[in-house]
Amino acid sequence: MICRACGREERASEGYECRACRTCICVLCSMRGVEYCATCRTVAEAAATAGATAATTLAVGGNAALA
């Protein structure tokens, strides 16, 4: 099996699951503290960036709907 966090075929079947979608993450990634696969991590980072942008816009007195 391929690790969905790092892309290697290194012991992914013996590893853990992504906390969001349950795909396989290898033992080495899970030992390094990786909890999410690359896809879920990208989605979470995009959502966090979008939320931070809206919060920053509101903090400086702008209108988030116009941003």
C-alpha atoms as a PDB file:
ATOM      1  CA  MET A   1       0.000   0.000   0.000  1.00  0.00           C
ATOM      2  CA  ILE A   2       1.068   3.568  -0.623  1.00  0.00           C
ATOM      3  CA  CYS A   3       1.252   6.063   2.228  1.00  0.00           C
ATOM      4  CA  ARG A   4      -1.165   8.893   1.435  1.00  0.00           C
ATOM      5  CA  ALA A   5       0.927  11.392   3.423  1.00  0.00           C
ATOM      6  CA  CYS A   6       4.413  10.891   1.935  1.00  0.00           C
ATOM      7  CA  GLY A   7       3.678   8.762  -1.155  1.00  0.00           C
ATOM      8  CA  ARG A   8       6.070   5.926  -0.287  1.00  0.00           C
ATOM      9  CA  GLU A   9       5.203   2.254  -0.267  1.00  0.00           C
ATOM     10  CA  GLU A  10       6.947   1.968   3.077  1.00  0.00           C
ATOM     11  CA  ARG A  11       4.900  -0.065   5.545  1.00  0.00           C
ATOM     12  CA  ALA A  12       1.667   1.820   4.881  1.00  0.00           C
ATOM     13  CA  SER A  13      -0.352  -1.312   5.529  1.00  0.00           C
ATOM     14  CA  GLU A  14       1.149  -1.487   9.036  1.00  0.00           C
ATOM     15  CA  GLY A  15       0.554   2.191   9.781  1.00  0.00           C
ATOM     16  CA  TYR A  16      -2.375   4.246  10.885  1.00  0.00           C
ATOM     17  CA  GLU A  17      -5.332   5.952   9.258  1.00  0.00           C
ATOM     18  CA  CYS A  18      -5.865   9.591   8.298  1.00  0.00           C
ATOM     19  CA  ARG A  19      -8.025  11.185  10.986  1.00  0.00           C
ATOM     20  CA  ALA A  20     -10.376  12.666   8.374  1.00  0.00           C
ATOM     21  CA  CYS A  21     -10.777  10.140   5.556  1.00  0.00           C
ATOM     22  CA  ARG A  22      -9.279   6.918   6.975  1.00  0.00           C
ATOM     23  CA  THR A  23      -6.731   6.332   4.162  1.00  0.00           C
ATOM     24  CA  CYS A  24      -3.425   4.701   5.105  1.00  0.00           C
ATOM     25  CA  ILE A  25      -0.496   6.617   6.577  1.00  0.00           C
ATOM     26  CA  CYS A  26       2.778   4.728   7.043  1.00  0.00           C
ATOM     27  CA  VAL A  27       4.408   3.993  10.382  1.00  0.00           C
ATOM     28  CA  LEU A  28       7.220   6.469   9.749  1.00  0.00           C
ATOM     29  CA  CYS A  29       4.825   9.353   9.070  1.00  0.00           C
ATOM     30  CA  SER A  30       2.700   8.501  12.087  1.00  0.00           C
ATOM     31  CA  MET A  31       5.843   8.380  14.254  1.00  0.00           C
ATOM     32  CA  ARG A  32       6.690  11.869  12.972  1.00  0.00           C
ATOM     33  CA  GLY A  33       3.301  13.107  14.135  1.00  0.00           C
ATOM     34  CA  VAL A  34       1.497  13.164  10.785  1.00  0.00           C
ATOM     35  CA  GLU A  35      -2.222  12.666  11.391  1.00  0.00           C
ATOM     36  CA  TYR A  36      -3.717  13.607   8.015  1.00  0.00           C
ATOM     37  CA  CYS A  37      -3.097  12.448   4.431  1.00  0.00           C
ATOM     38  CA  ALA A  38      -1.772  14.940   1.883  1.00  0.00           C
ATOM     39  CA  THR A  39      -5.230  15.595   0.406  1.00  0.00           C
ATOM     40  CA  CYS A  40      -6.909  16.305   3.753  1.00  0.00           C
ATOM     41  CA  ARG A  41      -3.947  18.429   4.868  1.00  0.00           C
ATOM     42  CA  THR A  42      -4.198  20.541   1.692  1.00  0.00           C
ATOM     43  CA  VAL A  43      -7.950  21.026   2.159  1.00  0.00           C
ATOM     44  CA  ALA A  44      -7.467  21.991   5.830  1.00  0.00           C
ATOM     45  CA  GLU A  45      -4.683  24.458   4.977  1.00  0.00           C
ATOM     46  CA  ALA A  46      -6.809  26.052   2.252  1.00  0.00           C
ATOM     47  CA  ALA A  47      -9.737  26.417   4.645  1.00  0.00           C
ATOM     48  CA  ALA A  48      -7.475  27.873   7.327  1.00  0.00           C
ATOM     49  CA  THR A  49      -5.967  30.333   4.837  1.00  0.00           C
ATOM     50  CA  ALA A  50      -9.417  31.400   3.625  1.00  0.00           C
ATOM     51  CA  GLY A  51     -10.575  31.849   7.218  1.00  0.00           C
ATOM     52  CA  ALA A  52      -7.463  33.791   8.151  1.00  0.00           C
ATOM     53  CA  THR A  53      -7.875  36.073   5.150  1.00  0.00           C
ATOM     54  CA  ALA A  54     -11.480  36.865   6.096  1.00  0.00           C
ATOM     55  CA  ALA A  55     -10.523  37.420   9.736  1.00  0.00           C
ATOM     56  CA  THR A  56      -7.647  39.712   8.734  1.00  0.00           C
ATOM     57  CA  THR A  57      -9.939  41.701   6.442  1.00  0.00           C
ATOM     58  CA  LEU A  58     -12.486  42.134   9.236  1.00  0.00           C
ATOM     59  CA  ALA A  59      -9.794  43.040  11.758  1.00  0.00           C
ATOM     60  CA  VAL A  60      -8.638  45.985   9.665  1.00  0.00           C
ATOM     61  CA  GLY A  61     -12.195  47.225   9.179  1.00  0.00           C
ATOM     62  CA  GLY A  62     -12.867  45.844   5.731  1.00  0.00           C
ATOM     63  CA  ASN A  63     -15.817  43.908   4.450  1.00  0.00           C
ATOM     64  CA  ALA A  64     -15.102  40.168   4.138  1.00  0.00           C
ATOM     65  CA  ALA A  65     -17.941  39.808   1.609  1.00  0.00           C
ATOM     66  CA  LEU A  66     -16.089  42.140  -0.765  1.00  0.00           C
ATOM     67  CA  ALA A  67     -12.698  40.474  -0.345  1.00  0.00           C
END
